[in-house]
Amino acid sequence: MTASRASDIVRSMIGHGGTVLAAPRGSGRAVSGTSGESTDLAAAVRALEARKALLAGAVAALAAPDSHAAELCEAALADPGARWWPFDLARVHLLYGERLRRSRELTRSRQHLQAALAAFERLGASAWADRAAAELAATAPTRQRQEVSREEPLTAQEVQVAELAAAGLSNREIATRLYMSHRTVGCHLYRIFPKLGIRSRAALRDALSRRVAAEATPRVTG
């Protein structure tokens, strides 16, 4: 396999979910000459092996019982090469966070879900960011989520963000409209979901309609 062929493989993997953040040392443009091509090829192979190890660990964790899943996830995340594939790394954080939430290990769950959310926002993966935000919101105690939903209104800016998201705009498109960063948009949505009692972007339109109707209904006081 030549260095150019190795680079083609890396690019094809990027097209299938493997966004590369930082290639390993020596994996940049091939240097003319046998030595440079050999270095480039070795670096590309290391990157591919790192992704294979990360995904293999995630798949094994999915199939494993709870008693072994944590160990497999921790091992996959600890691989130094995992950082070269930030999208895949974020998905493993999300997988692990979801598993921990179902096991009621909420503090540890939030750590991994926050890492996943930050990465997805940084990469502009809005749908994945929404999923991470919804999972993160679900880690709050049930009573707290209900109280927030009933008592805490949306701020004016949250209303703007929610309406644009409900209209189908991505986080980056909302950010451009409202002159803020897409990360700020993600933070707003993270707060909006529990306030509206929802867990996904798809539920925003109906939730906003219900909220408007509820606010228009006069309150009867004793």
N, C-alpha and C. Protein backbone atom coordinates (compact mmCIF):
# COMPACT_ATOMS: atom_id res chain seq x y z
N MET A 1 0.85 -1.20 0.00
CA MET A 1 0.00 0.00 0.00
C MET A 1 0.88 1.24 0.00
N THR A 2 0.59 2.20 -0.89
CA THR A 2 1.36 3.43 -0.96
C THR A 2 0.82 4.45 0.02
N ALA A 3 1.62 5.51 0.23
CA ALA A 3 1.17 6.56 1.15
C ALA A 3 -0.10 7.22 0.63
N SER A 4 -0.18 7.43 -0.71
CA SER A 4 -1.38 8.07 -1.26
C SER A 4 -2.60 7.19 -1.07
N ARG A 5 -2.42 5.86 -1.19
CA ARG A 5 -3.53 4.93 -0.98
C ARG A 5 -3.99 4.97 0.47
N ALA A 6 -3.04 5.03 1.40
CA ALA A 6 -3.39 5.13 2.82
C ALA A 6 -4.19 6.39 3.09
N SER A 7 -3.77 7.50 2.45
CA SER A 7 -4.49 8.76 2.64
C SER A 7 -5.91 8.65 2.09
N ASP A 8 -6.05 7.94 0.94
CA ASP A 8 -7.39 7.74 0.36
C ASP A 8 -8.29 6.98 1.33
N ILE A 9 -7.73 5.98 2.00
CA ILE A 9 -8.51 5.19 2.96
C ILE A 9 -8.97 6.05 4.12
N VAL A 10 -8.06 6.89 4.63
CA VAL A 10 -8.42 7.78 5.74
C VAL A 10 -9.54 8.71 5.31
N ARG A 11 -9.44 9.26 4.09
CA ARG A 11 -10.49 10.17 3.62
C ARG A 11 -11.82 9.44 3.48
N SER A 12 -11.79 8.20 2.99
CA SER A 12 -13.03 7.45 2.84
C SER A 12 -13.67 7.17 4.20
N MET A 13 -12.85 6.95 5.23
CA MET A 13 -13.38 6.71 6.57
C MET A 13 -13.98 7.99 7.12
N ILE A 14 -13.40 9.13 6.79
CA ILE A 14 -13.97 10.40 7.22
C ILE A 14 -15.39 10.53 6.69
N GLY A 15 -15.59 10.07 5.44
CA GLY A 15 -16.91 10.13 4.84
C GLY A 15 -17.90 9.20 5.50
N HIS A 16 -17.44 8.28 6.33
CA HIS A 16 -18.33 7.34 7.02
C HIS A 16 -18.30 7.55 8.52
N GLY A 17 -18.11 8.80 8.93
CA GLY A 17 -18.25 9.12 10.35
C GLY A 17 -16.95 9.28 11.10
N GLY A 18 -15.81 9.17 10.43
CA GLY A 18 -14.55 9.28 11.14
C GLY A 18 -13.89 10.62 10.94
N THR A 19 -14.39 11.66 11.57
CA THR A 19 -13.81 12.98 11.43
C THR A 19 -12.48 13.04 12.15
N VAL A 20 -11.44 13.36 11.42
CA VAL A 20 -10.11 13.41 12.02
C VAL A 20 -9.83 14.81 12.53
N LEU A 21 -9.48 14.92 13.79
CA LEU A 21 -9.15 16.21 14.39
C LEU A 21 -7.67 16.50 14.26
N ALA A 22 -6.85 15.56 14.66
CA ALA A 22 -5.41 15.76 14.64
C ALA A 22 -4.74 14.47 14.22
N ALA A 23 -4.20 14.46 13.03
CA ALA A 23 -3.55 13.25 12.56
C ALA A 23 -2.27 13.02 13.35
N PRO A 24 -1.83 11.76 13.46
CA PRO A 24 -0.61 11.48 14.20
C PRO A 24 0.60 12.13 13.56
N ARG A 25 1.64 12.33 14.37
CA ARG A 25 2.86 12.97 13.89
C ARG A 25 3.39 12.24 12.67
N GLY A 26 3.72 13.05 11.66
CA GLY A 26 4.27 12.46 10.45
C GLY A 26 3.23 12.05 9.44
N SER A 27 1.94 12.35 9.73
CA SER A 27 0.90 11.90 8.81
C SER A 27 0.43 12.99 7.88
N GLY A 28 1.14 14.08 7.80
CA GLY A 28 0.77 15.16 6.92
C GLY A 28 1.10 14.82 5.48
N ARG A 29 1.29 15.82 4.66
CA ARG A 29 1.55 15.60 3.24
C ARG A 29 2.80 14.75 3.06
N ALA A 30 2.70 13.80 2.16
CA ALA A 30 3.82 12.89 1.96
C ALA A 30 5.05 13.63 1.48
N VAL A 31 6.17 13.31 2.05
CA VAL A 31 7.43 13.90 1.65
C VAL A 31 7.98 13.07 0.51
N SER A 32 8.54 13.72 -0.49
CA SER A 32 9.05 12.97 -1.62
C SER A 32 10.19 12.07 -1.17
N GLY A 33 10.20 10.91 -1.73
CA GLY A 33 11.25 9.98 -1.34
C GLY A 33 10.69 8.84 -0.52
N THR A 34 11.39 7.72 -0.51
CA THR A 34 10.92 6.52 0.16
C THR A 34 10.71 6.72 1.64
N SER A 35 11.61 7.42 2.30
CA SER A 35 11.52 7.62 3.74
C SER A 35 10.27 8.39 4.12
N GLY A 36 9.99 9.47 3.37
CA GLY A 36 8.81 10.29 3.66
C GLY A 36 7.54 9.52 3.45
N GLU A 37 7.44 8.75 2.36
CA GLU A 37 6.24 7.97 2.08
C GLU A 37 6.04 6.88 3.13
N SER A 38 7.13 6.28 3.57
CA SER A 38 7.04 5.24 4.59
C SER A 38 6.51 5.80 5.90
N THR A 39 6.99 6.99 6.27
CA THR A 39 6.53 7.63 7.50
C THR A 39 5.05 7.97 7.41
N ASP A 40 4.64 8.49 6.26
CA ASP A 40 3.24 8.86 6.06
C ASP A 40 2.34 7.63 6.13
N LEU A 41 2.79 6.55 5.52
CA LEU A 41 2.02 5.31 5.52
C LEU A 41 1.87 4.75 6.92
N ALA A 42 2.98 4.74 7.68
CA ALA A 42 2.94 4.20 9.04
C ALA A 42 1.99 5.02 9.91
N ALA A 43 2.01 6.35 9.73
CA ALA A 43 1.13 7.20 10.53
C ALA A 43 -0.33 6.96 10.17
N ALA A 44 -0.62 6.79 8.87
CA ALA A 44 -1.99 6.54 8.44
C ALA A 44 -2.49 5.20 9.00
N VAL A 45 -1.63 4.20 8.99
CA VAL A 45 -2.00 2.90 9.54
C VAL A 45 -2.29 3.00 11.03
N ARG A 46 -1.46 3.78 11.76
CA ARG A 46 -1.70 3.95 13.21
C ARG A 46 -3.05 4.61 13.45
N ALA A 47 -3.39 5.59 12.62
CA ALA A 47 -4.68 6.27 12.78
C ALA A 47 -5.84 5.31 12.54
N LEU A 48 -5.72 4.47 11.51
CA LEU A 48 -6.77 3.51 11.22
C LEU A 48 -6.90 2.47 12.33
N GLU A 49 -5.77 2.03 12.86
CA GLU A 49 -5.80 1.05 13.95
C GLU A 49 -6.43 1.65 15.21
N ALA A 50 -6.17 2.95 15.43
CA ALA A 50 -6.75 3.62 16.60
C ALA A 50 -8.26 3.67 16.48
N ARG A 51 -8.76 3.96 15.29
CA ARG A 51 -10.22 4.00 15.11
C ARG A 51 -10.82 2.61 15.27
N LYS A 52 -10.14 1.62 14.72
CA LYS A 52 -10.63 0.25 14.83
C LYS A 52 -10.74 -0.16 16.29
N ALA A 53 -9.72 0.18 17.10
CA ALA A 53 -9.73 -0.17 18.51
C ALA A 53 -10.85 0.55 19.25
N LEU A 54 -11.06 1.82 18.92
CA LEU A 54 -12.11 2.61 19.57
C LEU A 54 -13.49 2.03 19.29
N LEU A 55 -13.75 1.74 18.02
CA LEU A 55 -15.07 1.21 17.65
C LEU A 55 -15.28 -0.22 18.13
N ALA A 56 -14.21 -1.01 18.10
CA ALA A 56 -14.32 -2.39 18.59
C ALA A 56 -14.65 -2.40 20.08
N GLY A 57 -14.03 -1.49 20.82
CA GLY A 57 -14.32 -1.39 22.24
C GLY A 57 -15.75 -0.98 22.50
N ALA A 58 -16.27 -0.06 21.68
CA ALA A 58 -17.64 0.40 21.84
C ALA A 58 -18.63 -0.72 21.54
N VAL A 59 -18.37 -1.48 20.47
CA VAL A 59 -19.25 -2.59 20.11
C VAL A 59 -19.24 -3.66 21.20
N ALA A 60 -18.05 -3.95 21.72
CA ALA A 60 -17.96 -4.94 22.80
C ALA A 60 -18.73 -4.48 24.03
N ALA A 61 -18.64 -3.18 24.34
CA ALA A 61 -19.35 -2.64 25.50
C ALA A 61 -20.87 -2.74 25.31
N LEU A 62 -21.34 -2.51 24.08
CA LEU A 62 -22.77 -2.61 23.81
C LEU A 62 -23.30 -4.01 24.09
N ALA A 63 -22.49 -5.00 23.76
CA ALA A 63 -22.94 -6.38 23.91
C ALA A 63 -22.67 -6.95 25.30
N ALA A 64 -21.88 -6.24 26.09
CA ALA A 64 -21.46 -6.76 27.39
C ALA A 64 -22.50 -6.48 28.47
N PRO A 65 -22.54 -7.30 29.52
CA PRO A 65 -23.41 -7.01 30.67
C PRO A 65 -22.88 -5.78 31.40
N ASP A 66 -23.72 -5.18 32.24
CA ASP A 66 -23.33 -3.96 32.94
C ASP A 66 -22.04 -4.12 33.74
N SER A 67 -21.81 -5.31 34.26
CA SER A 67 -20.63 -5.53 35.09
C SER A 67 -19.32 -5.38 34.32
N HIS A 68 -19.37 -5.55 32.99
CA HIS A 68 -18.15 -5.46 32.18
C HIS A 68 -18.15 -4.27 31.21
N ALA A 69 -19.32 -3.69 30.97
CA ALA A 69 -19.43 -2.61 29.98
C ALA A 69 -18.58 -1.41 30.34
N ALA A 70 -18.58 -1.04 31.62
CA ALA A 70 -17.82 0.13 32.05
C ALA A 70 -16.33 -0.05 31.78
N GLU A 71 -15.82 -1.21 32.09
CA GLU A 71 -14.40 -1.48 31.88
C GLU A 71 -14.03 -1.37 30.41
N LEU A 72 -14.90 -1.88 29.52
CA LEU A 72 -14.63 -1.84 28.09
C LEU A 72 -14.70 -0.41 27.56
N CYS A 73 -15.67 0.36 28.03
CA CYS A 73 -15.78 1.76 27.60
C CYS A 73 -14.59 2.57 28.07
N GLU A 74 -14.19 2.37 29.32
CA GLU A 74 -13.05 3.10 29.86
C GLU A 74 -11.79 2.79 29.07
N ALA A 75 -11.61 1.52 28.70
CA ALA A 75 -10.43 1.13 27.94
C ALA A 75 -10.43 1.76 26.56
N ALA A 76 -11.60 1.80 25.91
CA ALA A 76 -11.70 2.40 24.58
C ALA A 76 -11.40 3.90 24.63
N LEU A 77 -11.93 4.58 25.64
CA LEU A 77 -11.72 6.02 25.76
C LEU A 77 -10.30 6.37 26.16
N ALA A 78 -9.62 5.45 26.83
CA ALA A 78 -8.26 5.71 27.31
C ALA A 78 -7.20 5.53 26.23
N ASP A 79 -7.56 4.93 25.10
CA ASP A 79 -6.59 4.72 24.03
C ASP A 79 -6.11 6.08 23.51
N PRO A 80 -4.80 6.35 23.55
CA PRO A 80 -4.29 7.67 23.12
C PRO A 80 -4.69 8.02 21.68
N GLY A 81 -4.82 7.02 20.82
CA GLY A 81 -5.17 7.30 19.43
C GLY A 81 -6.61 7.70 19.23
N ALA A 82 -7.45 7.53 20.25
CA ALA A 82 -8.88 7.85 20.10
C ALA A 82 -9.10 9.32 19.79
N ARG A 83 -8.20 10.17 20.27
CA ARG A 83 -8.39 11.61 20.08
C ARG A 83 -8.29 12.02 18.61
N TRP A 84 -7.70 11.15 17.76
CA TRP A 84 -7.61 11.45 16.34
C TRP A 84 -8.96 11.35 15.64
N TRP A 85 -9.93 10.74 16.30
CA TRP A 85 -11.25 10.52 15.72
C TRP A 85 -12.31 11.13 16.65
N PRO A 86 -12.42 12.45 16.72
CA PRO A 86 -13.27 13.11 17.72
C PRO A 86 -14.75 12.79 17.61
N PHE A 87 -15.26 12.57 16.39
CA PHE A 87 -16.67 12.24 16.26
C PHE A 87 -16.96 10.86 16.84
N ASP A 88 -16.13 9.90 16.51
CA ASP A 88 -16.30 8.55 17.06
C ASP A 88 -16.08 8.56 18.57
N LEU A 89 -15.11 9.33 19.02
CA LEU A 89 -14.84 9.43 20.46
C LEU A 89 -16.06 10.00 21.18
N ALA A 90 -16.68 11.02 20.59
CA ALA A 90 -17.88 11.61 21.20
C ALA A 90 -19.02 10.60 21.24
N ARG A 91 -19.14 9.78 20.20
CA ARG A 91 -20.20 8.76 20.21
C ARG A 91 -19.99 7.72 21.30
N VAL A 92 -18.73 7.39 21.58
CA VAL A 92 -18.46 6.45 22.66
C VAL A 92 -18.78 7.09 24.01
N HIS A 93 -18.43 8.39 24.17
CA HIS A 93 -18.81 9.10 25.40
C HIS A 93 -20.33 9.08 25.57
N LEU A 94 -21.05 9.29 24.47
CA LEU A 94 -22.51 9.29 24.53
C LEU A 94 -23.03 7.90 24.90
N LEU A 95 -22.50 6.89 24.26
CA LEU A 95 -22.90 5.51 24.57
C LEU A 95 -22.67 5.19 26.05
N TYR A 96 -21.51 5.56 26.53
CA TYR A 96 -21.15 5.28 27.92
C TYR A 96 -22.05 6.08 28.87
N GLY A 97 -22.28 7.35 28.52
CA GLY A 97 -23.13 8.19 29.36
C GLY A 97 -24.55 7.65 29.44
N GLU A 98 -25.07 7.18 28.30
CA GLU A 98 -26.42 6.60 28.29
C GLU A 98 -26.48 5.34 29.14
N ARG A 99 -25.45 4.53 29.03
CA ARG A 99 -25.41 3.27 29.80
C ARG A 99 -25.34 3.58 31.30
N LEU A 100 -24.54 4.55 31.67
CA LEU A 100 -24.41 4.92 33.08
C LEU A 100 -25.72 5.51 33.60
N ARG A 101 -26.41 6.28 32.77
CA ARG A 101 -27.69 6.87 33.21
C ARG A 101 -28.71 5.78 33.49
N ARG A 102 -28.75 4.79 32.61
CA ARG A 102 -29.71 3.69 32.83
C ARG A 102 -29.37 2.89 34.09
N SER A 103 -28.08 2.92 34.46
CA SER A 103 -27.65 2.23 35.68
C SER A 103 -27.77 3.13 36.90
N ARG A 104 -28.30 4.36 36.70
CA ARG A 104 -28.51 5.34 37.77
C ARG A 104 -27.20 5.88 38.35
N GLU A 105 -26.12 5.80 37.59
CA GLU A 105 -24.86 6.43 38.01
C GLU A 105 -24.81 7.81 37.38
N LEU A 106 -25.61 8.72 37.93
CA LEU A 106 -25.90 9.98 37.26
C LEU A 106 -24.71 10.94 37.21
N THR A 107 -23.90 10.99 38.25
CA THR A 107 -22.77 11.90 38.26
C THR A 107 -21.77 11.54 37.16
N ARG A 108 -21.41 10.26 37.08
CA ARG A 108 -20.49 9.81 36.04
C ARG A 108 -21.13 9.94 34.66
N SER A 109 -22.42 9.68 34.59
CA SER A 109 -23.13 9.80 33.32
C SER A 109 -23.03 11.22 32.78
N ARG A 110 -23.25 12.21 33.66
CA ARG A 110 -23.21 13.60 33.23
C ARG A 110 -21.83 13.98 32.68
N GLN A 111 -20.77 13.47 33.27
CA GLN A 111 -19.43 13.78 32.80
C GLN A 111 -19.24 13.37 31.35
N HIS A 112 -19.68 12.17 31.02
CA HIS A 112 -19.50 11.67 29.65
C HIS A 112 -20.48 12.32 28.68
N LEU A 113 -21.69 12.58 29.13
CA LEU A 113 -22.66 13.24 28.27
C LEU A 113 -22.24 14.67 27.97
N GLN A 114 -21.67 15.36 28.95
CA GLN A 114 -21.18 16.72 28.72
C GLN A 114 -20.01 16.72 27.73
N ALA A 115 -19.13 15.73 27.85
CA ALA A 115 -18.02 15.61 26.90
C ALA A 115 -18.54 15.37 25.50
N ALA A 116 -19.54 14.50 25.38
CA ALA A 116 -20.13 14.21 24.07
C ALA A 116 -20.80 15.44 23.49
N LEU A 117 -21.58 16.14 24.31
CA LEU A 117 -22.29 17.33 23.85
C LEU A 117 -21.32 18.39 23.35
N ALA A 118 -20.25 18.64 24.12
CA ALA A 118 -19.27 19.65 23.73
C ALA A 118 -18.61 19.29 22.39
N ALA A 119 -18.29 18.02 22.22
CA ALA A 119 -17.64 17.58 20.98
C ALA A 119 -18.58 17.69 19.79
N PHE A 120 -19.83 17.25 19.96
CA PHE A 120 -20.78 17.33 18.85
C PHE A 120 -21.04 18.78 18.47
N GLU A 121 -21.14 19.65 19.45
CA GLU A 121 -21.32 21.07 19.15
C GLU A 121 -20.11 21.62 18.40
N ARG A 122 -18.93 21.25 18.83
CA ARG A 122 -17.70 21.72 18.19
C ARG A 122 -17.62 21.24 16.73
N LEU A 123 -18.15 20.04 16.48
CA LEU A 123 -18.10 19.45 15.14
C LEU A 123 -19.30 19.84 14.28
N GLY A 124 -20.26 20.53 14.88
CA GLY A 124 -21.45 20.92 14.13
C GLY A 124 -22.41 19.79 13.86
N ALA A 125 -22.37 18.73 14.67
CA ALA A 125 -23.26 17.58 14.52
C ALA A 125 -24.53 17.83 15.33
N SER A 126 -25.45 18.60 14.78
CA SER A 126 -26.61 19.08 15.54
C SER A 126 -27.50 17.96 16.06
N ALA A 127 -27.79 16.98 15.21
CA ALA A 127 -28.68 15.89 15.64
C ALA A 127 -28.08 15.12 16.79
N TRP A 128 -26.78 14.85 16.72
CA TRP A 128 -26.11 14.15 17.81
C TRP A 128 -26.04 15.01 19.06
N ALA A 129 -25.83 16.33 18.87
CA ALA A 129 -25.80 17.24 20.01
C ALA A 129 -27.15 17.26 20.72
N ASP A 130 -28.22 17.23 19.93
CA ASP A 130 -29.57 17.20 20.52
C ASP A 130 -29.76 15.94 21.36
N ARG A 131 -29.30 14.82 20.83
CA ARG A 131 -29.45 13.57 21.56
C ARG A 131 -28.67 13.62 22.87
N ALA A 132 -27.45 14.14 22.81
CA ALA A 132 -26.64 14.24 24.03
C ALA A 132 -27.28 15.20 25.03
N ALA A 133 -27.81 16.32 24.52
CA ALA A 133 -28.46 17.30 25.41
C ALA A 133 -29.69 16.70 26.07
N ALA A 134 -30.45 15.93 25.31
CA ALA A 134 -31.65 15.30 25.87
C ALA A 134 -31.28 14.28 26.95
N GLU A 135 -30.24 13.50 26.68
CA GLU A 135 -29.79 12.53 27.69
C GLU A 135 -29.29 13.25 28.93
N LEU A 136 -28.59 14.36 28.71
CA LEU A 136 -28.05 15.13 29.83
C LEU A 136 -29.19 15.70 30.67
N ALA A 137 -30.21 16.21 30.00
CA ALA A 137 -31.37 16.75 30.73
C ALA A 137 -32.06 15.66 31.54
N ALA A 138 -32.04 14.43 31.01
CA ALA A 138 -32.70 13.32 31.70
C ALA A 138 -31.96 12.87 32.95
N THR A 139 -30.73 13.36 33.14
CA THR A 139 -30.00 12.97 34.35
C THR A 139 -30.44 13.77 35.57
N ALA A 140 -31.22 14.84 35.33
CA ALA A 140 -31.74 15.60 36.47
C ALA A 140 -32.81 14.78 37.17
N PRO A 141 -32.93 14.90 38.48
CA PRO A 141 -33.97 14.16 39.20
C PRO A 141 -35.35 14.47 38.64
N THR A 142 -36.26 13.50 38.63
CA THR A 142 -37.59 13.66 38.05
C THR A 142 -38.32 14.86 38.64
N ARG A 143 -38.27 14.99 39.95
CA ARG A 143 -38.97 16.10 40.60
C ARG A 143 -38.42 17.43 40.14
N GLN A 144 -37.09 17.50 40.00
CA GLN A 144 -36.48 18.76 39.56
C GLN A 144 -36.92 19.09 38.14
N ARG A 145 -36.97 18.07 37.23
CA ARG A 145 -37.39 18.32 35.87
C ARG A 145 -38.83 18.81 35.82
N GLN A 146 -39.69 18.23 36.65
CA GLN A 146 -41.09 18.64 36.66
C GLN A 146 -41.24 20.06 37.17
N GLU A 147 -40.47 20.40 38.22
CA GLU A 147 -40.56 21.74 38.79
C GLU A 147 -40.05 22.78 37.81
N VAL A 148 -38.96 22.47 37.12
CA VAL A 148 -38.42 23.41 36.13
C VAL A 148 -39.43 23.61 35.02
N SER A 149 -40.03 22.50 34.55
CA SER A 149 -41.00 22.58 33.46
C SER A 149 -42.20 23.44 33.84
N ARG A 150 -42.66 23.32 35.09
CA ARG A 150 -43.86 24.04 35.52
C ARG A 150 -43.58 25.49 35.88
N GLU A 151 -42.44 25.76 36.48
CA GLU A 151 -42.25 27.05 37.12
C GLU A 151 -41.28 28.00 36.41
N GLU A 152 -40.35 27.48 35.65
CA GLU A 152 -39.34 28.36 35.09
C GLU A 152 -39.64 28.70 33.64
N PRO A 153 -39.94 29.95 33.34
CA PRO A 153 -40.28 30.33 31.96
C PRO A 153 -39.02 30.41 31.09
N LEU A 154 -39.24 30.37 29.80
CA LEU A 154 -38.14 30.57 28.87
C LEU A 154 -37.77 32.04 28.84
N THR A 155 -36.48 32.32 28.73
CA THR A 155 -36.05 33.70 28.55
C THR A 155 -36.37 34.12 27.12
N ALA A 156 -36.28 35.42 26.85
CA ALA A 156 -36.58 35.92 25.51
C ALA A 156 -35.64 35.28 24.47
N GLN A 157 -34.38 35.14 24.83
CA GLN A 157 -33.43 34.55 23.88
C GLN A 157 -33.68 33.06 23.70
N GLU A 158 -34.07 32.37 24.77
CA GLU A 158 -34.40 30.96 24.66
C GLU A 158 -35.61 30.75 23.75
N VAL A 159 -36.57 31.66 23.82
CA VAL A 159 -37.73 31.57 22.94
C VAL A 159 -37.30 31.70 21.49
N GLN A 160 -36.39 32.65 21.22
CA GLN A 160 -35.91 32.82 19.85
C GLN A 160 -35.21 31.56 19.35
N VAL A 161 -34.33 31.02 20.18
CA VAL A 161 -33.60 29.81 19.81
C VAL A 161 -34.57 28.65 19.58
N ALA A 162 -35.52 28.49 20.49
CA ALA A 162 -36.47 27.38 20.39
C ALA A 162 -37.32 27.49 19.13
N GLU A 163 -37.78 28.70 18.81
CA GLU A 163 -38.62 28.88 17.63
C GLU A 163 -37.86 28.59 16.34
N LEU A 164 -36.60 29.02 16.29
CA LEU A 164 -35.79 28.78 15.09
C LEU A 164 -35.45 27.29 14.95
N ALA A 165 -35.16 26.66 16.09
CA ALA A 165 -34.88 25.22 16.06
C ALA A 165 -36.12 24.44 15.65
N ALA A 166 -37.29 24.87 16.14
CA ALA A 166 -38.54 24.21 15.78
C ALA A 166 -38.85 24.37 14.30
N ALA A 167 -38.35 25.47 13.70
CA ALA A 167 -38.56 25.72 12.27
C ALA A 167 -37.61 24.91 11.39
N GLY A 168 -36.69 24.19 12.04
CA GLY A 168 -35.81 23.30 11.28
C GLY A 168 -34.40 23.81 11.05
N LEU A 169 -34.05 24.96 11.63
CA LEU A 169 -32.71 25.49 11.45
C LEU A 169 -31.70 24.70 12.28
N SER A 170 -30.49 24.55 11.76
CA SER A 170 -29.42 23.89 12.51
C SER A 170 -28.86 24.85 13.54
N ASN A 171 -28.05 24.33 14.45
CA ASN A 171 -27.45 25.19 15.47
C ASN A 171 -26.59 26.28 14.85
N ARG A 172 -25.86 25.95 13.80
CA ARG A 172 -25.01 26.95 13.14
C ARG A 172 -25.84 28.01 12.44
N GLU A 173 -26.97 27.61 11.84
CA GLU A 173 -27.85 28.58 11.19
C GLU A 173 -28.49 29.50 12.22
N ILE A 174 -28.90 28.94 13.36
CA ILE A 174 -29.45 29.75 14.44
C ILE A 174 -28.40 30.74 14.95
N ALA A 175 -27.18 30.25 15.11
CA ALA A 175 -26.09 31.10 15.60
C ALA A 175 -25.87 32.29 14.68
N THR A 176 -25.94 32.05 13.37
CA THR A 176 -25.76 33.14 12.40
C THR A 176 -26.89 34.15 12.50
N ARG A 177 -28.11 33.66 12.65
CA ARG A 177 -29.28 34.56 12.76
C ARG A 177 -29.22 35.43 14.01
N LEU A 178 -28.78 34.83 15.11
CA LEU A 178 -28.84 35.53 16.40
C LEU A 178 -27.50 36.10 16.85
N TYR A 179 -26.49 36.01 15.98
CA TYR A 179 -25.17 36.59 16.28
C TYR A 179 -24.57 36.02 17.57
N MET A 180 -24.56 34.71 17.65
CA MET A 180 -23.93 34.03 18.79
C MET A 180 -23.20 32.81 18.26
N SER A 181 -22.43 32.17 19.10
CA SER A 181 -21.72 30.97 18.66
C SER A 181 -22.66 29.77 18.66
N HIS A 182 -22.35 28.76 17.85
CA HIS A 182 -23.20 27.57 17.82
C HIS A 182 -23.13 26.82 19.15
N ARG A 183 -22.03 27.00 19.89
CA ARG A 183 -21.94 26.38 21.21
C ARG A 183 -22.95 27.01 22.17
N THR A 184 -23.12 28.33 22.05
CA THR A 184 -24.10 29.02 22.89
C THR A 184 -25.50 28.53 22.57
N VAL A 185 -25.77 28.30 21.29
CA VAL A 185 -27.07 27.76 20.88
C VAL A 185 -27.30 26.40 21.54
N GLY A 186 -26.27 25.57 21.53
CA GLY A 186 -26.38 24.26 22.16
C GLY A 186 -26.67 24.36 23.64
N CYS A 187 -26.01 25.31 24.30
CA CYS A 187 -26.25 25.52 25.74
C CYS A 187 -27.69 25.95 25.99
N HIS A 188 -28.20 26.82 25.13
CA HIS A 188 -29.60 27.25 25.27
C HIS A 188 -30.54 26.05 25.13
N LEU A 189 -30.32 25.22 24.12
CA LEU A 189 -31.19 24.07 23.91
C LEU A 189 -31.12 23.10 25.08
N TYR A 190 -29.92 22.97 25.67
CA TYR A 190 -29.76 22.10 26.84
C TYR A 190 -30.65 22.56 27.98
N ARG A 191 -30.82 23.89 28.12
CA ARG A 191 -31.69 24.42 29.18
C ARG A 191 -33.16 24.40 28.76
N ILE A 192 -33.40 24.56 27.46
CA ILE A 192 -34.78 24.64 26.96
C ILE A 192 -35.51 23.30 27.07
N PHE A 193 -34.82 22.21 26.73
CA PHE A 193 -35.48 20.90 26.71
C PHE A 193 -36.17 20.57 28.04
N PRO A 194 -35.45 20.63 29.17
CA PRO A 194 -36.14 20.30 30.43
C PRO A 194 -37.23 21.30 30.81
N LYS A 195 -37.06 22.56 30.42
CA LYS A 195 -38.09 23.55 30.72
C LYS A 195 -39.40 23.22 30.00
N LEU A 196 -39.26 22.67 28.80
CA LEU A 196 -40.44 22.32 28.02
C LEU A 196 -40.89 20.88 28.25
N GLY A 197 -40.10 20.14 29.04
CA GLY A 197 -40.46 18.76 29.33
C GLY A 197 -40.31 17.83 28.15
N ILE A 198 -39.33 18.12 27.28
CA ILE A 198 -39.11 17.30 26.09
C ILE A 198 -37.68 16.78 26.07
N ARG A 199 -37.42 15.85 25.13
CA ARG A 199 -36.10 15.25 25.05
C ARG A 199 -35.51 15.29 23.64
N SER A 200 -36.21 15.92 22.70
CA SER A 200 -35.68 15.96 21.34
C SER A 200 -36.11 17.24 20.63
N ARG A 201 -35.37 17.58 19.62
CA ARG A 201 -35.66 18.76 18.81
C ARG A 201 -37.00 18.62 18.09
N ALA A 202 -37.34 17.38 17.70
CA ALA A 202 -38.58 17.14 16.95
C ALA A 202 -39.81 17.52 17.76
N ALA A 203 -39.69 17.53 19.08
CA ALA A 203 -40.85 17.82 19.93
C ALA A 203 -41.00 19.30 20.23
N LEU A 204 -40.10 20.13 19.72
CA LEU A 204 -40.11 21.55 20.07
C LEU A 204 -41.39 22.26 19.61
N ARG A 205 -41.80 22.02 18.37
CA ARG A 205 -42.95 22.76 17.83
C ARG A 205 -44.20 22.56 18.69
N ASP A 206 -44.52 21.31 18.98
CA ASP A 206 -45.72 21.03 19.79
C ASP A 206 -45.57 21.57 21.21
N ALA A 207 -44.36 21.46 21.77
CA ALA A 207 -44.13 21.94 23.13
C ALA A 207 -44.30 23.46 23.21
N LEU A 208 -43.82 24.17 22.20
CA LEU A 208 -43.97 25.62 22.19
C LEU A 208 -45.44 26.01 22.04
N SER A 209 -46.17 25.27 21.22
CA SER A 209 -47.60 25.56 21.05
C SER A 209 -48.37 25.36 22.35
N ARG A 210 -48.05 24.27 23.04
CA ARG A 210 -48.71 24.02 24.33
C ARG A 210 -48.37 25.11 25.33
N ARG A 211 -47.13 25.55 25.31
CA ARG A 211 -46.71 26.57 26.29
C ARG A 211 -47.41 27.90 26.02
N VAL A 212 -47.53 28.26 24.73
CA VAL A 212 -48.22 29.51 24.38
C VAL A 212 -49.68 29.44 24.82
N ALA A 213 -50.32 28.29 24.58
CA ALA A 213 -51.73 28.13 24.96
C ALA A 213 -51.88 28.21 26.48
N ALA A 214 -50.95 27.61 27.22
CA ALA A 214 -51.02 27.61 28.68
C ALA A 214 -50.83 29.02 29.23
N GLU A 215 -49.91 29.79 28.60
CA GLU A 215 -49.66 31.15 29.08
C GLU A 215 -50.82 32.08 28.75
N ALA A 216 -51.58 31.73 27.70
CA ALA A 216 -52.73 32.58 27.33
C ALA A 216 -53.96 32.29 28.16
N THR A 217 -53.94 31.17 28.88
CA THR A 217 -55.09 30.80 29.71
C THR A 217 -55.02 31.53 31.05
N PRO A 218 -56.05 32.29 31.41
CA PRO A 218 -56.03 33.00 32.68
C PRO A 218 -55.93 32.02 33.86
N ARG A 219 -55.11 32.38 34.84
CA ARG A 219 -54.98 31.54 36.03
C ARG A 219 -56.06 31.89 37.04
N VAL A 220 -56.69 30.86 37.58
CA VAL A 220 -57.73 31.05 38.58
C VAL A 220 -57.09 30.96 39.96
N THR A 221 -57.21 31.99 40.74
CA THR A 221 -56.63 32.01 42.07
C THR A 221 -57.73 31.83 43.11
N GLY A 222 -57.34 31.19 44.19
CA GLY A 222 -58.33 30.97 45.24
C GLY A 222 -58.61 32.23 46.00
